[in-house]
Amino acid sequence: MFKGRRIKFDEVTTNFGEVTGIVKGNIDLDEGLNLTANTQVTSIKDVFKTIKQDPKNMSVSGKVEGDLKVIGGFKNPQVFISLKNKDKIRIDRVDFSNVKQI
């Protein structure tokens, strides 16, 4: 929804590469960004593919879902990401049942 110089997102489904999420919040042309997104369950391989990174010298597999928050100005926004696994995560040849960032 547009209101003046503000665009409001209210549970808009969007894709960022191979990752699908639901976005809430607003983009204000004067005040900047205030957005949150909840991603659907996505394979780790698709996450790495989307951010154009490749884990060097090891294989990684499994599925994750995440919460993202983007706040601040357009030139230097702050991005906060929280991921949690939805099944076993395999890094190289080792399985992990519970993976979380600190």
C-alpha atoms as a PDB file:
ATOM      1  CA  MET A   1       0.000   0.000   0.000  1.00  0.00           C
ATOM      2  CA  PHE A   2       1.318   3.447  -0.916  1.00  0.00           C
ATOM      3  CA  LYS A   3       0.843   6.339   1.492  1.00  0.00           C
ATOM      4  CA  GLY A   4       2.705   9.527   0.669  1.00  0.00           C
ATOM      5  CA  ARG A   5       6.385   8.596   0.439  1.00  0.00           C
ATOM      6  CA  ARG A   6       5.897   5.286   2.271  1.00  0.00           C
ATOM      7  CA  ILE A   7       5.286   1.824   0.868  1.00  0.00           C
ATOM      8  CA  LYS A   8       3.760  -0.629   3.324  1.00  0.00           C
ATOM      9  CA  PHE A   9       4.136  -4.397   2.941  1.00  0.00           C
ATOM     10  CA  ASP A  10       1.605  -6.544   4.770  1.00  0.00           C
ATOM     11  CA  GLU A  11       2.462 -10.224   4.329  1.00  0.00           C
ATOM     12  CA  VAL A  12       3.703  -9.968   0.748  1.00  0.00           C
ATOM     13  CA  THR A  13       5.136 -13.210  -0.641  1.00  0.00           C
ATOM     14  CA  THR A  14       8.382 -12.639  -2.509  1.00  0.00           C
ATOM     15  CA  ASN A  15      11.397 -14.519  -3.833  1.00  0.00           C
ATOM     16  CA  PHE A  16      15.064 -13.680  -3.424  1.00  0.00           C
ATOM     17  CA  GLY A  17      16.785 -16.076  -5.755  1.00  0.00           C
ATOM     18  CA  GLU A  18      15.808 -19.560  -4.610  1.00  0.00           C
ATOM     19  CA  VAL A  19      14.493 -18.370  -1.213  1.00  0.00           C
ATOM     20  CA  THR A  20      10.785 -17.591  -0.738  1.00  0.00           C
ATOM     21  CA  GLY A  21       9.603 -15.423   2.126  1.00  0.00           C
ATOM     22  CA  ILE A  22       6.780 -13.326   3.504  1.00  0.00           C
ATOM     23  CA  VAL A  23       7.639  -9.648   3.981  1.00  0.00           C
ATOM     24  CA  LYS A  24       6.091  -7.170   6.433  1.00  0.00           C
ATOM     25  CA  GLY A  25       7.030  -3.584   7.206  1.00  0.00           C
ATOM     26  CA  ASN A  26       7.659  -0.475   5.193  1.00  0.00           C
ATOM     27  CA  ILE A  27       9.995   1.429   2.964  1.00  0.00           C
ATOM     28  CA  ASP A  28       9.885   5.139   3.693  1.00  0.00           C
ATOM     29  CA  LEU A  29      11.684   7.356   1.197  1.00  0.00           C
ATOM     30  CA  ASP A  30      12.500   9.829   3.993  1.00  0.00           C
ATOM     31  CA  GLU A  31      13.157   7.507   6.957  1.00  0.00           C
ATOM     32  CA  GLY A  32      14.547   4.368   5.282  1.00  0.00           C
ATOM     33  CA  LEU A  33      13.834   0.675   5.706  1.00  0.00           C
ATOM     34  CA  ASN A  34      11.919  -1.194   8.378  1.00  0.00           C
ATOM     35  CA  LEU A  35      11.231  -4.674   7.007  1.00  0.00           C
ATOM     36  CA  THR A  36      10.966  -8.200   8.376  1.00  0.00           C
ATOM     37  CA  ALA A  37      10.774 -11.430   6.405  1.00  0.00           C
ATOM     38  CA  ASN A  38      10.086 -15.010   7.376  1.00  0.00           C
ATOM     39  CA  THR A  39      11.435 -17.529   4.902  1.00  0.00           C
ATOM     40  CA  GLN A  40       9.900 -20.815   3.961  1.00  0.00           C
ATOM     41  CA  VAL A  41      11.889 -24.001   4.484  1.00  0.00           C
ATOM     42  CA  THR A  42      14.748 -23.919   1.966  1.00  0.00           C
ATOM     43  CA  SER A  43      17.660 -26.206   1.255  1.00  0.00           C
ATOM     44  CA  ILE A  44      21.054 -24.922   2.387  1.00  0.00           C
ATOM     45  CA  LYS A  45      22.333 -25.443  -1.152  1.00  0.00           C
ATOM     46  CA  ASP A  46      19.678 -23.015  -2.443  1.00  0.00           C
ATOM     47  CA  VAL A  47      20.637 -20.459   0.230  1.00  0.00           C
ATOM     48  CA  PHE A  48      24.304 -20.608  -0.828  1.00  0.00           C
ATOM     49  CA  LYS A  49      23.257 -20.421  -4.482  1.00  0.00           C
ATOM     50  CA  THR A  50      21.108 -17.341  -3.800  1.00  0.00           C
ATOM     51  CA  ILE A  51      23.875 -15.448  -1.987  1.00  0.00           C
ATOM     52  CA  LYS A  52      26.401 -16.579  -4.600  1.00  0.00           C
ATOM     53  CA  GLN A  53      28.666 -18.303  -2.088  1.00  0.00           C
ATOM     54  CA  ASP A  54      30.113 -21.772  -2.172  1.00  0.00           C
ATOM     55  CA  PRO A  55      31.315 -23.517   0.986  1.00  0.00           C
ATOM     56  CA  LYS A  56      34.946 -24.199   0.187  1.00  0.00           C
ATOM     57  CA  ASN A  57      36.309 -27.730   0.348  1.00  0.00           C
ATOM     58  CA  MET A  58      33.291 -29.320   2.059  1.00  0.00           C
ATOM     59  CA  SER A  59      29.760 -30.368   1.300  1.00  0.00           C
ATOM     60  CA  VAL A  60      26.813 -28.932   3.213  1.00  0.00           C
ATOM     61  CA  SER A  61      23.234 -30.226   3.071  1.00  0.00           C
ATOM     62  CA  GLY A  62      19.972 -29.910   4.951  1.00  0.00           C
ATOM     63  CA  LYS A  63      17.036 -27.516   5.184  1.00  0.00           C
ATOM     64  CA  VAL A  64      16.643 -24.265   7.094  1.00  0.00           C
ATOM     65  CA  GLU A  65      14.127 -21.505   7.627  1.00  0.00           C
ATOM     66  CA  GLY A  66      14.910 -18.009   8.737  1.00  0.00           C
ATOM     67  CA  ASP A  67      13.837 -14.631  10.001  1.00  0.00           C
ATOM     68  CA  LEU A  68      15.346 -11.481   8.542  1.00  0.00           C
ATOM     69  CA  LYS A  69      15.161  -7.869   9.610  1.00  0.00           C
ATOM     70  CA  VAL A  70      16.347  -4.956   7.458  1.00  0.00           C
ATOM     71  CA  ILE A  71      16.402  -1.526   9.104  1.00  0.00           C
ATOM     72  CA  GLY A  72      18.050   1.814   8.532  1.00  0.00           C
ATOM     73  CA  GLY A  73      18.973   4.053   5.653  1.00  0.00           C
ATOM     74  CA  PHE A  74      19.180   3.068   2.021  1.00  0.00           C
ATOM     75  CA  LYS A  75      22.938   3.568   1.752  1.00  0.00           C
ATOM     76  CA  ASN A  76      23.905   1.469   4.773  1.00  0.00           C
ATOM     77  CA  PRO A  77      21.021  -0.693   6.035  1.00  0.00           C
ATOM     78  CA  GLN A  78      21.502  -3.139   8.898  1.00  0.00           C
ATOM     79  CA  VAL A  79      20.556  -6.740   8.132  1.00  0.00           C
ATOM     80  CA  PHE A  80      19.897  -9.250  10.900  1.00  0.00           C
ATOM     81  CA  ILE A  81      19.439 -12.935  10.047  1.00  0.00           C
ATOM     82  CA  SER A  82      18.322 -15.787  12.268  1.00  0.00           C
ATOM     83  CA  LEU A  83      18.355 -19.329  10.844  1.00  0.00           C
ATOM     84  CA  LYS A  84      17.187 -22.629  12.292  1.00  0.00           C
ATOM     85  CA  ASN A  85      17.430 -26.071  10.825  1.00  0.00           C
ATOM     86  CA  LYS A  86      14.343 -28.076   9.901  1.00  0.00           C
ATOM     87  CA  ASP A  87      16.063 -31.441   9.634  1.00  0.00           C
ATOM     88  CA  LYS A  88      19.568 -32.783  10.111  1.00  0.00           C
ATOM     89  CA  ILE A  89      22.312 -30.564   8.772  1.00  0.00           C
ATOM     90  CA  ARG A  90      25.267 -32.360   7.238  1.00  0.00           C
ATOM     91  CA  ILE A  91      28.599 -30.533   7.100  1.00  0.00           C
ATOM     92  CA  ASP A  92      31.218 -32.573   5.295  1.00  0.00           C
ATOM     93  CA  ARG A  93      30.349 -36.053   6.644  1.00  0.00           C
ATOM     94  CA  VAL A  94      29.025 -35.067  10.083  1.00  0.00           C
ATOM     95  CA  ASP A  95      25.292 -34.803  10.872  1.00  0.00           C
ATOM     96  CA  PHE A  96      24.000 -32.132  13.275  1.00  0.00           C
ATOM     97  CA  SER A  97      20.451 -32.284  14.611  1.00  0.00           C
ATOM     98  CA  ASN A  98      20.321 -28.804  16.113  1.00  0.00           C
ATOM     99  CA  VAL A  99      22.148 -25.879  14.510  1.00  0.00           C
ATOM    100  CA  LYS A 100      21.735 -22.243  15.562  1.00  0.00           C
ATOM    101  CA  GLN A 101      23.791 -19.111  15.260  1.00  0.00           C
ATOM    102  CA  ILE A 102      25.069 -17.206  18.266  1.00  0.00           C
END
